[in-house]
Amino acid sequence: MSAEPAPERPGRRRLLVLLPLIAFIALAALFYGRLFSGDPARIPSALIGREAPALDLAALEGLSRDGAPVPGLASTELKGGVTVLNVFASWCVPCRDEHPFLVDLSKMPGFRLVGLNYKDDAGNARRFLGRFGNPYAAVGVDPNGRAAIDWGVYGVPETFVVGKDGRIAYKFIGPLDAEGVKQRLLPEIQKAMAASAPAGG
């Protein structure tokens, strides 16, 4: 005669029911801690060291600099020299805060500063640059944010350093400030400028 299985204890059953919830809460706490701890500008990018994603963005219509139309952005322009690409929008308040630092950067020799205008209205973008100054040698319009997704943009503003070989050398997340420019961005730009140009580049 076979023995009947022992009845399952209520405490054990409750533990089995709660186990997925406990695991979920633990994972959520881990992700939250990683996301909001420390300096967001130091979040690593999976694209560092990789070829910059393709760009074929139209120019911001009606935008000029020094009396000449400002061109759009194309991948071919990201090789042979160091490029600093800044993702901005007229509706982005932190973009206004960082803009004076971009104007100062644009006056420095040895690299090219370009802008990627993210999910913006063309008229508002022109007025933004007209009011605060246009530091960009080129501005590509990304109306639906597709290019920004390809570049792994978390949100505006963000700034990338692209080396002479067309690979992403550095990514700065969030608005630039005096410390960020001096301590992090400029050293990365200088490092990219000091790197050897690619063969045939």
N, C-alpha and C. Protein backbone atom coordinates (compact mmCIF):
# COMPACT_ATOMS: atom_id res chain seq x y z
N MET A 1 0.85 -1.18 0.00
CA MET A 1 0.00 0.00 0.00
C MET A 1 0.90 1.25 0.00
N SER A 2 0.73 2.13 -1.04
CA SER A 2 1.60 3.30 -1.17
C SER A 2 1.18 4.39 -0.21
N ALA A 3 2.19 5.06 0.30
CA ALA A 3 1.92 6.14 1.26
C ALA A 3 1.43 7.37 0.52
N GLU A 4 0.50 8.06 1.11
CA GLU A 4 -0.01 9.29 0.50
C GLU A 4 1.03 10.41 0.63
N PRO A 5 1.17 11.28 -0.44
CA PRO A 5 2.14 12.37 -0.34
C PRO A 5 1.77 13.32 0.79
N ALA A 6 2.82 13.83 1.43
CA ALA A 6 2.59 14.77 2.53
C ALA A 6 1.95 16.05 1.99
N PRO A 7 0.98 16.59 2.69
CA PRO A 7 0.33 17.82 2.22
C PRO A 7 1.34 18.98 2.17
N GLU A 8 1.24 19.80 1.12
CA GLU A 8 2.17 20.93 0.95
C GLU A 8 1.88 21.99 2.00
N ARG A 9 2.93 22.46 2.63
CA ARG A 9 2.75 23.44 3.69
C ARG A 9 2.38 24.80 3.11
N PRO A 10 1.44 25.51 3.77
CA PRO A 10 1.00 26.82 3.25
C PRO A 10 2.15 27.82 3.11
N GLY A 11 3.11 27.78 4.03
CA GLY A 11 4.23 28.72 3.96
C GLY A 11 5.08 28.51 2.72
N ARG A 12 5.27 27.25 2.36
CA ARG A 12 6.08 26.95 1.18
C ARG A 12 5.35 27.39 -0.09
N ARG A 13 4.05 27.14 -0.14
CA ARG A 13 3.26 27.54 -1.31
C ARG A 13 3.30 29.06 -1.48
N ARG A 14 3.18 29.80 -0.37
CA ARG A 14 3.21 31.26 -0.42
C ARG A 14 4.57 31.75 -0.93
N LEU A 15 5.64 31.08 -0.49
CA LEU A 15 6.98 31.45 -0.93
C LEU A 15 7.14 31.26 -2.43
N LEU A 16 6.62 30.14 -2.95
CA LEU A 16 6.71 29.88 -4.40
C LEU A 16 5.94 30.92 -5.20
N VAL A 17 4.82 31.38 -4.67
CA VAL A 17 4.02 32.41 -5.35
C VAL A 17 4.76 33.75 -5.35
N LEU A 18 5.41 34.06 -4.23
CA LEU A 18 6.07 35.36 -4.08
C LEU A 18 7.45 35.43 -4.73
N LEU A 19 8.04 34.28 -5.04
CA LEU A 19 9.41 34.25 -5.57
C LEU A 19 9.58 35.09 -6.84
N PRO A 20 8.70 34.98 -7.86
CA PRO A 20 8.87 35.83 -9.05
C PRO A 20 8.78 37.32 -8.72
N LEU A 21 7.89 37.68 -7.78
CA LEU A 21 7.75 39.08 -7.40
C LEU A 21 9.02 39.59 -6.72
N ILE A 22 9.59 38.77 -5.84
CA ILE A 22 10.83 39.15 -5.15
C ILE A 22 11.97 39.32 -6.16
N ALA A 23 12.06 38.41 -7.13
CA ALA A 23 13.10 38.50 -8.16
C ALA A 23 12.93 39.76 -8.99
N PHE A 24 11.68 40.09 -9.33
CA PHE A 24 11.42 41.29 -10.13
C PHE A 24 11.83 42.55 -9.37
N ILE A 25 11.46 42.62 -8.08
CA ILE A 25 11.79 43.79 -7.27
C ILE A 25 13.31 43.95 -7.14
N ALA A 26 14.01 42.82 -6.97
CA ALA A 26 15.48 42.87 -6.85
C ALA A 26 16.11 43.38 -8.14
N LEU A 27 15.63 42.89 -9.29
CA LEU A 27 16.16 43.35 -10.58
C LEU A 27 15.85 44.82 -10.82
N ALA A 28 14.62 45.23 -10.48
CA ALA A 28 14.23 46.63 -10.66
C ALA A 28 15.11 47.54 -9.82
N ALA A 29 15.40 47.13 -8.58
CA ALA A 29 16.26 47.93 -7.70
C ALA A 29 17.67 48.03 -8.26
N LEU A 30 18.17 46.93 -8.83
CA LEU A 30 19.50 46.93 -9.42
C LEU A 30 19.58 47.89 -10.61
N PHE A 31 18.59 47.80 -11.52
CA PHE A 31 18.57 48.69 -12.69
C PHE A 31 18.43 50.15 -12.27
N TYR A 32 17.56 50.40 -11.30
CA TYR A 32 17.35 51.78 -10.83
C TYR A 32 18.64 52.34 -10.25
N GLY A 33 19.31 51.52 -9.44
CA GLY A 33 20.57 51.97 -8.84
C GLY A 33 21.62 52.27 -9.87
N ARG A 34 21.74 51.41 -10.89
CA ARG A 34 22.73 51.64 -11.95
C ARG A 34 22.40 52.87 -12.79
N LEU A 35 21.09 53.09 -13.01
CA LEU A 35 20.66 54.19 -13.88
C LEU A 35 20.84 55.54 -13.22
N PHE A 36 20.55 55.62 -11.92
CA PHE A 36 20.53 56.92 -11.27
C PHE A 36 21.69 57.17 -10.32
N SER A 37 22.65 56.26 -10.28
CA SER A 37 23.81 56.50 -9.42
C SER A 37 24.94 57.08 -10.24
N GLY A 38 25.68 57.99 -9.64
CA GLY A 38 26.86 58.54 -10.30
C GLY A 38 26.50 59.57 -11.36
N ASP A 39 27.47 59.88 -12.19
CA ASP A 39 27.37 60.90 -13.21
C ASP A 39 26.80 60.29 -14.49
N PRO A 40 25.62 60.77 -14.97
CA PRO A 40 25.06 60.20 -16.18
C PRO A 40 25.94 60.41 -17.40
N ALA A 41 26.80 61.42 -17.36
CA ALA A 41 27.69 61.67 -18.50
C ALA A 41 28.73 60.57 -18.66
N ARG A 42 28.86 59.72 -17.64
CA ARG A 42 29.85 58.65 -17.69
C ARG A 42 29.24 57.31 -18.08
N ILE A 43 27.96 57.29 -18.45
CA ILE A 43 27.34 56.05 -18.89
C ILE A 43 28.05 55.58 -20.16
N PRO A 44 28.55 54.36 -20.18
CA PRO A 44 29.29 53.91 -21.36
C PRO A 44 28.38 53.72 -22.57
N SER A 45 28.91 53.89 -23.75
CA SER A 45 28.15 53.67 -24.97
C SER A 45 28.69 52.44 -25.68
N ALA A 46 27.76 51.62 -26.17
CA ALA A 46 28.17 50.41 -26.90
C ALA A 46 28.82 50.75 -28.23
N LEU A 47 28.69 52.02 -28.67
CA LEU A 47 29.21 52.41 -29.98
C LEU A 47 30.65 52.91 -29.93
N ILE A 48 31.21 53.09 -28.73
CA ILE A 48 32.58 53.59 -28.63
C ILE A 48 33.52 52.61 -29.33
N GLY A 49 34.34 53.16 -30.24
CA GLY A 49 35.29 52.33 -30.99
C GLY A 49 34.71 51.75 -32.26
N ARG A 50 33.43 51.94 -32.47
CA ARG A 50 32.80 51.41 -33.68
C ARG A 50 32.61 52.49 -34.74
N GLU A 51 32.44 52.06 -35.97
CA GLU A 51 32.16 52.98 -37.08
C GLU A 51 30.91 53.79 -36.74
N ALA A 52 30.99 55.11 -36.96
CA ALA A 52 29.82 55.96 -36.70
C ALA A 52 28.66 55.53 -37.59
N PRO A 53 27.46 55.41 -37.04
CA PRO A 53 26.30 55.03 -37.85
C PRO A 53 26.10 55.97 -39.04
N ALA A 54 25.54 55.42 -40.10
CA ALA A 54 25.36 56.18 -41.34
C ALA A 54 24.50 57.42 -41.11
N LEU A 55 24.88 58.50 -41.78
CA LEU A 55 24.13 59.75 -41.73
C LEU A 55 23.87 60.24 -43.15
N ASP A 56 22.65 60.60 -43.41
CA ASP A 56 22.29 61.25 -44.68
C ASP A 56 21.12 62.16 -44.38
N LEU A 57 21.42 63.26 -43.69
CA LEU A 57 20.38 64.15 -43.19
C LEU A 57 20.36 65.47 -43.95
N ALA A 58 19.17 65.88 -44.30
CA ALA A 58 19.00 67.15 -45.03
C ALA A 58 19.41 68.33 -44.16
N ALA A 59 19.77 69.41 -44.83
CA ALA A 59 20.14 70.64 -44.14
C ALA A 59 18.91 71.29 -43.51
N LEU A 60 19.14 72.11 -42.51
CA LEU A 60 18.07 72.90 -41.91
C LEU A 60 17.78 74.06 -42.85
N GLU A 61 16.64 74.00 -43.50
CA GLU A 61 16.30 74.96 -44.56
C GLU A 61 16.34 76.40 -44.06
N GLY A 62 17.02 77.24 -44.83
CA GLY A 62 17.07 78.66 -44.50
C GLY A 62 18.16 79.04 -43.52
N LEU A 63 18.93 78.06 -43.04
CA LEU A 63 19.99 78.36 -42.08
C LEU A 63 21.28 78.73 -42.82
N SER A 64 21.88 79.83 -42.41
CA SER A 64 23.14 80.25 -43.04
C SER A 64 24.15 80.62 -41.96
N ARG A 65 25.41 80.63 -42.38
CA ARG A 65 26.51 81.00 -41.47
C ARG A 65 27.53 81.75 -42.30
N ASP A 66 27.89 82.92 -41.85
CA ASP A 66 28.82 83.78 -42.58
C ASP A 66 28.34 84.01 -44.01
N GLY A 67 27.03 84.13 -44.18
CA GLY A 67 26.46 84.44 -45.48
C GLY A 67 26.29 83.27 -46.43
N ALA A 68 26.70 82.06 -46.00
CA ALA A 68 26.58 80.88 -46.87
C ALA A 68 25.61 79.88 -46.25
N PRO A 69 24.87 79.12 -47.08
CA PRO A 69 23.96 78.12 -46.54
C PRO A 69 24.73 77.05 -45.75
N VAL A 70 24.16 76.63 -44.64
CA VAL A 70 24.78 75.58 -43.81
C VAL A 70 24.34 74.23 -44.36
N PRO A 71 25.30 73.34 -44.71
CA PRO A 71 24.93 72.05 -45.30
C PRO A 71 24.36 71.08 -44.27
N GLY A 72 23.77 69.99 -44.78
CA GLY A 72 23.29 68.91 -43.92
C GLY A 72 24.44 68.00 -43.51
N LEU A 73 24.08 66.83 -42.99
CA LEU A 73 25.10 65.89 -42.49
C LEU A 73 25.14 64.62 -43.32
N ALA A 74 26.34 64.23 -43.72
CA ALA A 74 26.53 62.98 -44.45
C ALA A 74 27.72 62.23 -43.87
N SER A 75 27.66 60.92 -43.93
CA SER A 75 28.71 60.08 -43.36
C SER A 75 30.08 60.36 -43.95
N THR A 76 30.12 60.74 -45.22
CA THR A 76 31.41 60.98 -45.88
C THR A 76 32.20 62.10 -45.21
N GLU A 77 31.50 62.98 -44.50
CA GLU A 77 32.16 64.11 -43.86
C GLU A 77 32.72 63.77 -42.49
N LEU A 78 32.52 62.51 -42.05
CA LEU A 78 32.98 62.11 -40.72
C LEU A 78 34.32 61.38 -40.75
N LYS A 79 35.01 61.43 -41.87
CA LYS A 79 36.30 60.76 -41.97
C LYS A 79 37.37 61.74 -42.43
N GLY A 80 38.59 61.50 -41.98
CA GLY A 80 39.71 62.33 -42.41
C GLY A 80 40.06 63.41 -41.42
N GLY A 81 39.13 63.78 -40.58
CA GLY A 81 39.37 64.78 -39.55
C GLY A 81 38.51 64.49 -38.35
N VAL A 82 38.78 65.17 -37.25
CA VAL A 82 37.99 64.96 -36.03
C VAL A 82 36.70 65.79 -36.12
N THR A 83 35.59 65.14 -35.79
CA THR A 83 34.28 65.80 -35.81
C THR A 83 33.65 65.68 -34.43
N VAL A 84 33.10 66.78 -33.96
CA VAL A 84 32.30 66.78 -32.72
C VAL A 84 30.86 66.98 -33.14
N LEU A 85 30.02 65.97 -32.86
CA LEU A 85 28.62 66.01 -33.24
C LEU A 85 27.77 66.23 -32.00
N ASN A 86 26.99 67.31 -32.02
CA ASN A 86 26.13 67.67 -30.90
C ASN A 86 24.66 67.49 -31.28
N VAL A 87 23.93 66.74 -30.45
CA VAL A 87 22.50 66.51 -30.67
C VAL A 87 21.74 67.56 -29.87
N PHE A 88 20.90 68.34 -30.55
CA PHE A 88 20.23 69.46 -29.89
C PHE A 88 18.81 69.64 -30.42
N ALA A 89 18.02 70.44 -29.70
CA ALA A 89 16.68 70.81 -30.15
C ALA A 89 16.32 72.15 -29.52
N SER A 90 15.50 72.92 -30.21
CA SER A 90 15.12 74.24 -29.70
C SER A 90 14.25 74.13 -28.45
N TRP A 91 13.49 73.03 -28.33
CA TRP A 91 12.59 72.85 -27.19
C TRP A 91 13.31 72.31 -25.95
N CYS A 92 14.60 72.02 -26.09
CA CYS A 92 15.38 71.40 -25.01
C CYS A 92 16.02 72.50 -24.15
N VAL A 93 15.54 72.64 -22.90
CA VAL A 93 16.06 73.68 -22.01
C VAL A 93 17.55 73.49 -21.71
N PRO A 94 18.02 72.26 -21.40
CA PRO A 94 19.46 72.09 -21.16
C PRO A 94 20.32 72.45 -22.38
N CYS A 95 19.73 72.34 -23.59
CA CYS A 95 20.48 72.73 -24.79
C CYS A 95 20.81 74.22 -24.76
N ARG A 96 19.92 75.01 -24.22
CA ARG A 96 20.17 76.46 -24.10
C ARG A 96 21.28 76.72 -23.10
N ASP A 97 21.28 75.91 -22.03
CA ASP A 97 22.31 76.09 -21.00
C ASP A 97 23.71 75.78 -21.54
N GLU A 98 23.81 74.76 -22.39
CA GLU A 98 25.13 74.35 -22.87
C GLU A 98 25.59 75.15 -24.09
N HIS A 99 24.68 75.88 -24.73
CA HIS A 99 24.99 76.51 -26.02
C HIS A 99 26.20 77.44 -25.99
N PRO A 100 26.37 78.27 -24.96
CA PRO A 100 27.57 79.13 -24.94
C PRO A 100 28.87 78.34 -25.01
N PHE A 101 28.88 77.15 -24.43
CA PHE A 101 30.09 76.32 -24.47
C PHE A 101 30.34 75.79 -25.89
N LEU A 102 29.26 75.52 -26.61
CA LEU A 102 29.39 75.09 -28.01
C LEU A 102 29.92 76.23 -28.87
N VAL A 103 29.43 77.43 -28.61
CA VAL A 103 29.92 78.60 -29.36
C VAL A 103 31.42 78.76 -29.14
N ASP A 104 31.86 78.58 -27.90
CA ASP A 104 33.30 78.67 -27.61
C ASP A 104 34.07 77.54 -28.30
N LEU A 105 33.52 76.33 -28.27
CA LEU A 105 34.17 75.20 -28.93
C LEU A 105 34.35 75.45 -30.42
N SER A 106 33.35 76.07 -31.04
CA SER A 106 33.39 76.28 -32.49
C SER A 106 34.53 77.20 -32.91
N LYS A 107 35.07 77.95 -31.96
CA LYS A 107 36.17 78.88 -32.27
C LYS A 107 37.54 78.22 -32.16
N MET A 108 37.55 76.98 -31.68
CA MET A 108 38.83 76.27 -31.51
C MET A 108 39.22 75.56 -32.80
N PRO A 109 40.50 75.57 -33.13
CA PRO A 109 40.95 74.93 -34.38
C PRO A 109 41.15 73.42 -34.21
N GLY A 110 41.23 72.73 -35.35
CA GLY A 110 41.64 71.33 -35.35
C GLY A 110 40.52 70.32 -35.43
N PHE A 111 39.28 70.76 -35.29
CA PHE A 111 38.15 69.84 -35.43
C PHE A 111 36.93 70.59 -35.95
N ARG A 112 35.94 69.83 -36.35
CA ARG A 112 34.72 70.40 -36.94
C ARG A 112 33.55 70.12 -36.00
N LEU A 113 32.78 71.14 -35.66
CA LEU A 113 31.59 70.99 -34.82
C LEU A 113 30.35 71.00 -35.70
N VAL A 114 29.54 69.93 -35.60
CA VAL A 114 28.32 69.81 -36.39
C VAL A 114 27.15 69.52 -35.46
N GLY A 115 25.94 69.80 -35.94
CA GLY A 115 24.76 69.61 -35.11
C GLY A 115 23.78 68.63 -35.74
N LEU A 116 23.12 67.85 -34.89
CA LEU A 116 22.03 66.99 -35.31
C LEU A 116 20.78 67.52 -34.63
N ASN A 117 19.88 68.09 -35.42
CA ASN A 117 18.67 68.72 -34.89
C ASN A 117 17.58 67.66 -34.71
N TYR A 118 17.26 67.38 -33.45
CA TYR A 118 16.44 66.23 -33.07
C TYR A 118 14.96 66.58 -32.89
N LYS A 119 14.09 65.95 -33.69
CA LYS A 119 12.63 66.07 -33.55
C LYS A 119 12.19 67.51 -33.29
N ASP A 120 12.58 68.39 -34.18
CA ASP A 120 12.37 69.82 -33.97
C ASP A 120 11.56 70.42 -35.12
N ASP A 121 11.01 71.58 -34.86
CA ASP A 121 10.37 72.37 -35.91
C ASP A 121 11.44 73.25 -36.56
N ALA A 122 11.47 73.26 -37.89
CA ALA A 122 12.54 73.97 -38.61
C ALA A 122 12.58 75.45 -38.24
N GLY A 123 11.44 76.07 -38.18
CA GLY A 123 11.40 77.50 -37.84
C GLY A 123 11.91 77.76 -36.44
N ASN A 124 11.51 76.93 -35.50
CA ASN A 124 11.98 77.09 -34.12
C ASN A 124 13.48 76.86 -34.02
N ALA A 125 13.99 75.87 -34.76
CA ALA A 125 15.43 75.59 -34.75
C ALA A 125 16.22 76.77 -35.31
N ARG A 126 15.72 77.35 -36.40
CA ARG A 126 16.41 78.52 -36.98
C ARG A 126 16.41 79.69 -36.01
N ARG A 127 15.26 79.92 -35.36
CA ARG A 127 15.18 81.03 -34.40
C ARG A 127 16.10 80.79 -33.20
N PHE A 128 16.17 79.53 -32.76
CA PHE A 128 17.06 79.17 -31.65
C PHE A 128 18.50 79.53 -31.98
N LEU A 129 18.96 79.11 -33.17
CA LEU A 129 20.34 79.38 -33.58
C LEU A 129 20.55 80.85 -33.92
N GLY A 130 19.50 81.51 -34.40
CA GLY A 130 19.60 82.94 -34.67
C GLY A 130 19.75 83.74 -33.39
N ARG A 131 19.07 83.31 -32.35
CA ARG A 131 19.11 84.02 -31.07
C ARG A 131 20.38 83.76 -30.29
N PHE A 132 20.81 82.50 -30.24
CA PHE A 132 21.94 82.12 -29.38
C PHE A 132 23.26 81.99 -30.15
N GLY A 133 23.20 82.05 -31.48
CA GLY A 133 24.40 81.91 -32.31
C GLY A 133 24.49 80.52 -32.89
N ASN A 134 25.01 80.43 -34.11
CA ASN A 134 25.15 79.13 -34.77
C ASN A 134 26.61 78.69 -34.73
N PRO A 135 26.93 77.73 -33.86
CA PRO A 135 28.32 77.27 -33.79
C PRO A 135 28.64 76.15 -34.78
N TYR A 136 27.61 75.66 -35.51
CA TYR A 136 27.77 74.45 -36.31
C TYR A 136 28.20 74.72 -37.75
N ALA A 137 29.17 73.93 -38.21
CA ALA A 137 29.59 74.00 -39.62
C ALA A 137 28.59 73.29 -40.51
N ALA A 138 27.81 72.39 -39.94
CA ALA A 138 26.76 71.67 -40.67
C ALA A 138 25.68 71.30 -39.66
N VAL A 139 24.43 71.26 -40.14
CA VAL A 139 23.30 70.86 -39.29
C VAL A 139 22.43 69.90 -40.09
N GLY A 140 22.27 68.69 -39.57
CA GLY A 140 21.39 67.71 -40.19
C GLY A 140 20.08 67.62 -39.43
N VAL A 141 18.98 67.54 -40.17
CA VAL A 141 17.64 67.51 -39.57
C VAL A 141 17.20 66.06 -39.40
N ASP A 142 16.83 65.71 -38.17
CA ASP A 142 16.38 64.36 -37.83
C ASP A 142 14.94 64.46 -37.30
N PRO A 143 13.95 64.64 -38.20
CA PRO A 143 12.59 64.96 -37.76
C PRO A 143 11.89 63.86 -36.97
N ASN A 144 12.20 62.60 -37.28
CA ASN A 144 11.52 61.50 -36.57
C ASN A 144 12.42 60.80 -35.55
N GLY A 145 13.65 61.27 -35.41
CA GLY A 145 14.56 60.71 -34.41
C GLY A 145 15.22 59.41 -34.81
N ARG A 146 15.07 59.00 -36.07
CA ARG A 146 15.63 57.72 -36.52
C ARG A 146 17.16 57.70 -36.44
N ALA A 147 17.80 58.79 -36.90
CA ALA A 147 19.27 58.85 -36.85
C ALA A 147 19.76 58.83 -35.40
N ALA A 148 19.05 59.55 -34.52
CA ALA A 148 19.43 59.58 -33.11
C ALA A 148 19.36 58.18 -32.50
N ILE A 149 18.36 57.40 -32.88
CA ILE A 149 18.24 56.02 -32.38
C ILE A 149 19.45 55.22 -32.83
N ASP A 150 19.82 55.37 -34.11
CA ASP A 150 20.98 54.64 -34.63
C ASP A 150 22.25 55.00 -33.88
N TRP A 151 22.34 56.23 -33.42
CA TRP A 151 23.52 56.70 -32.69
C TRP A 151 23.43 56.38 -31.20
N GLY A 152 22.36 55.74 -30.76
CA GLY A 152 22.22 55.37 -29.35
C GLY A 152 21.97 56.54 -28.44
N VAL A 153 21.27 57.55 -28.94
CA VAL A 153 21.00 58.75 -28.14
C VAL A 153 19.95 58.44 -27.08
N TYR A 154 20.25 58.77 -25.82
CA TYR A 154 19.31 58.60 -24.71
C TYR A 154 18.32 59.76 -24.68
N GLY A 155 18.81 60.96 -24.97
CA GLY A 155 17.99 62.16 -24.93
C GLY A 155 18.88 63.36 -25.19
N VAL A 156 18.27 64.47 -25.53
CA VAL A 156 19.06 65.66 -25.84
C VAL A 156 19.34 66.45 -24.56
N PRO A 157 20.50 67.11 -24.50
CA PRO A 157 21.59 67.09 -25.48
C PRO A 157 22.57 65.95 -25.22
N GLU A 158 23.24 65.55 -26.28
CA GLU A 158 24.36 64.61 -26.20
C GLU A 158 25.42 65.06 -27.20
N THR A 159 26.66 64.72 -26.91
CA THR A 159 27.77 65.15 -27.76
C THR A 159 28.71 63.97 -28.01
N PHE A 160 29.07 63.79 -29.27
CA PHE A 160 29.95 62.69 -29.68
C PHE A 160 31.24 63.25 -30.25
N VAL A 161 32.33 62.54 -30.01
CA VAL A 161 33.60 62.84 -30.69
C VAL A 161 33.85 61.70 -31.66
N VAL A 162 33.99 62.05 -32.94
CA VAL A 162 34.25 61.06 -33.99
C VAL A 162 35.69 61.26 -34.47
N GLY A 163 36.47 60.19 -34.43
CA GLY A 163 37.88 60.27 -34.79
C GLY A 163 38.10 60.39 -36.29
N LYS A 164 39.37 60.54 -36.67
CA LYS A 164 39.72 60.69 -38.08
C LYS A 164 39.37 59.45 -38.90
N ASP A 165 39.26 58.30 -38.21
CA ASP A 165 38.93 57.06 -38.90
C ASP A 165 37.43 56.84 -39.05
N GLY A 166 36.63 57.82 -38.60
CA GLY A 166 35.18 57.69 -38.72
C GLY A 166 34.54 56.86 -37.62
N ARG A 167 35.33 56.54 -36.59
CA ARG A 167 34.78 55.76 -35.47
C ARG A 167 34.48 56.68 -34.28
N ILE A 168 33.45 56.30 -33.53
CA ILE A 168 33.08 57.09 -32.36
C ILE A 168 34.12 56.88 -31.27
N ALA A 169 34.73 57.98 -30.84
CA ALA A 169 35.80 57.92 -29.84
C ALA A 169 35.28 58.22 -28.43
N TYR A 170 34.19 58.99 -28.34
CA TYR A 170 33.72 59.41 -27.02
C TYR A 170 32.29 59.89 -27.13
N LYS A 171 31.55 59.73 -26.02
CA LYS A 171 30.17 60.21 -25.95
C LYS A 171 29.95 60.91 -24.61
N PHE A 172 29.45 62.14 -24.68
CA PHE A 172 29.13 62.90 -23.48
C PHE A 172 27.61 63.02 -23.40
N ILE A 173 27.03 62.51 -22.31
CA ILE A 173 25.58 62.54 -22.14
C ILE A 173 25.19 63.70 -21.24
N GLY A 174 24.21 64.47 -21.69
CA GLY A 174 23.72 65.60 -20.90
C GLY A 174 24.33 66.91 -21.36
N PRO A 175 23.94 68.01 -20.72
CA PRO A 175 24.44 69.32 -21.14
C PRO A 175 25.89 69.54 -20.76
N LEU A 176 26.63 70.15 -21.66
CA LEU A 176 28.01 70.52 -21.38
C LEU A 176 28.03 71.69 -20.41
N ASP A 177 29.01 71.67 -19.53
CA ASP A 177 29.26 72.82 -18.66
C ASP A 177 30.77 73.04 -18.64
N ALA A 178 31.21 74.03 -17.89
CA ALA A 178 32.64 74.39 -17.90
C ALA A 178 33.50 73.20 -17.47
N GLU A 179 33.09 72.51 -16.41
CA GLU A 179 33.88 71.38 -15.93
C GLU A 179 33.86 70.23 -16.92
N GLY A 180 32.67 69.95 -17.47
CA GLY A 180 32.55 68.85 -18.42
C GLY A 180 33.39 69.06 -19.66
N VAL A 181 33.41 70.31 -20.14
CA VAL A 181 34.22 70.63 -21.33
C VAL A 181 35.69 70.49 -21.01
N LYS A 182 36.12 71.09 -19.90
CA LYS A 182 37.55 71.12 -19.56
C LYS A 182 38.08 69.75 -19.13
N GLN A 183 37.31 69.06 -18.28
CA GLN A 183 37.81 67.82 -17.70
C GLN A 183 37.58 66.58 -18.56
N ARG A 184 36.51 66.60 -19.38
CA ARG A 184 36.19 65.38 -20.11
C ARG A 184 36.18 65.55 -21.63
N LEU A 185 35.44 66.55 -22.13
CA LEU A 185 35.29 66.64 -23.58
C LEU A 185 36.58 67.06 -24.29
N LEU A 186 37.19 68.14 -23.85
CA LEU A 186 38.40 68.62 -24.53
C LEU A 186 39.54 67.60 -24.53
N PRO A 187 39.80 66.90 -23.40
CA PRO A 187 40.85 65.87 -23.45
C PRO A 187 40.56 64.79 -24.48
N GLU A 188 39.28 64.43 -24.64
CA GLU A 188 38.93 63.40 -25.63
C GLU A 188 39.09 63.93 -27.06
N ILE A 189 38.75 65.20 -27.26
CA ILE A 189 38.95 65.81 -28.58
C ILE A 189 40.43 65.86 -28.91
N GLN A 190 41.24 66.28 -27.95
CA GLN A 190 42.69 66.38 -28.16
C GLN A 190 43.31 65.00 -28.42
N LYS A 191 42.81 63.99 -27.71
CA LYS A 191 43.29 62.63 -27.93
C LYS A 191 42.96 62.18 -29.36
N ALA A 192 41.75 62.49 -29.80
CA ALA A 192 41.35 62.10 -31.17
C ALA A 192 42.17 62.87 -32.21
N MET A 193 42.47 64.13 -31.92
CA MET A 193 43.26 64.94 -32.86
C MET A 193 44.70 64.43 -32.94
N ALA A 194 45.20 63.91 -31.81
CA ALA A 194 46.58 63.42 -31.79
C ALA A 194 46.74 62.05 -32.44
N ALA A 195 45.64 61.33 -32.58
CA ALA A 195 45.69 60.00 -33.18
C ALA A 195 46.09 60.10 -34.65
N SER A 196 46.79 59.08 -35.14
CA SER A 196 47.22 59.06 -36.53
C SER A 196 46.02 59.00 -37.46
N ALA A 197 46.10 59.69 -38.57
CA ALA A 197 45.04 59.63 -39.58
C ALA A 197 45.06 58.25 -40.22
N PRO A 198 43.90 57.71 -40.62
CA PRO A 198 43.87 56.40 -41.24
C PRO A 198 44.61 56.41 -42.57
N ALA A 199 45.14 55.28 -42.98
CA ALA A 199 45.85 55.17 -44.25
C ALA A 199 44.96 55.59 -45.38
N GLY A 200 45.45 56.48 -46.20
CA GLY A 200 44.68 56.96 -47.34
C GLY A 200 43.67 58.01 -46.95
N GLY A 201 43.63 58.43 -45.63
CA GLY A 201 42.62 59.37 -45.17
C GLY A 201 43.10 60.77 -45.11
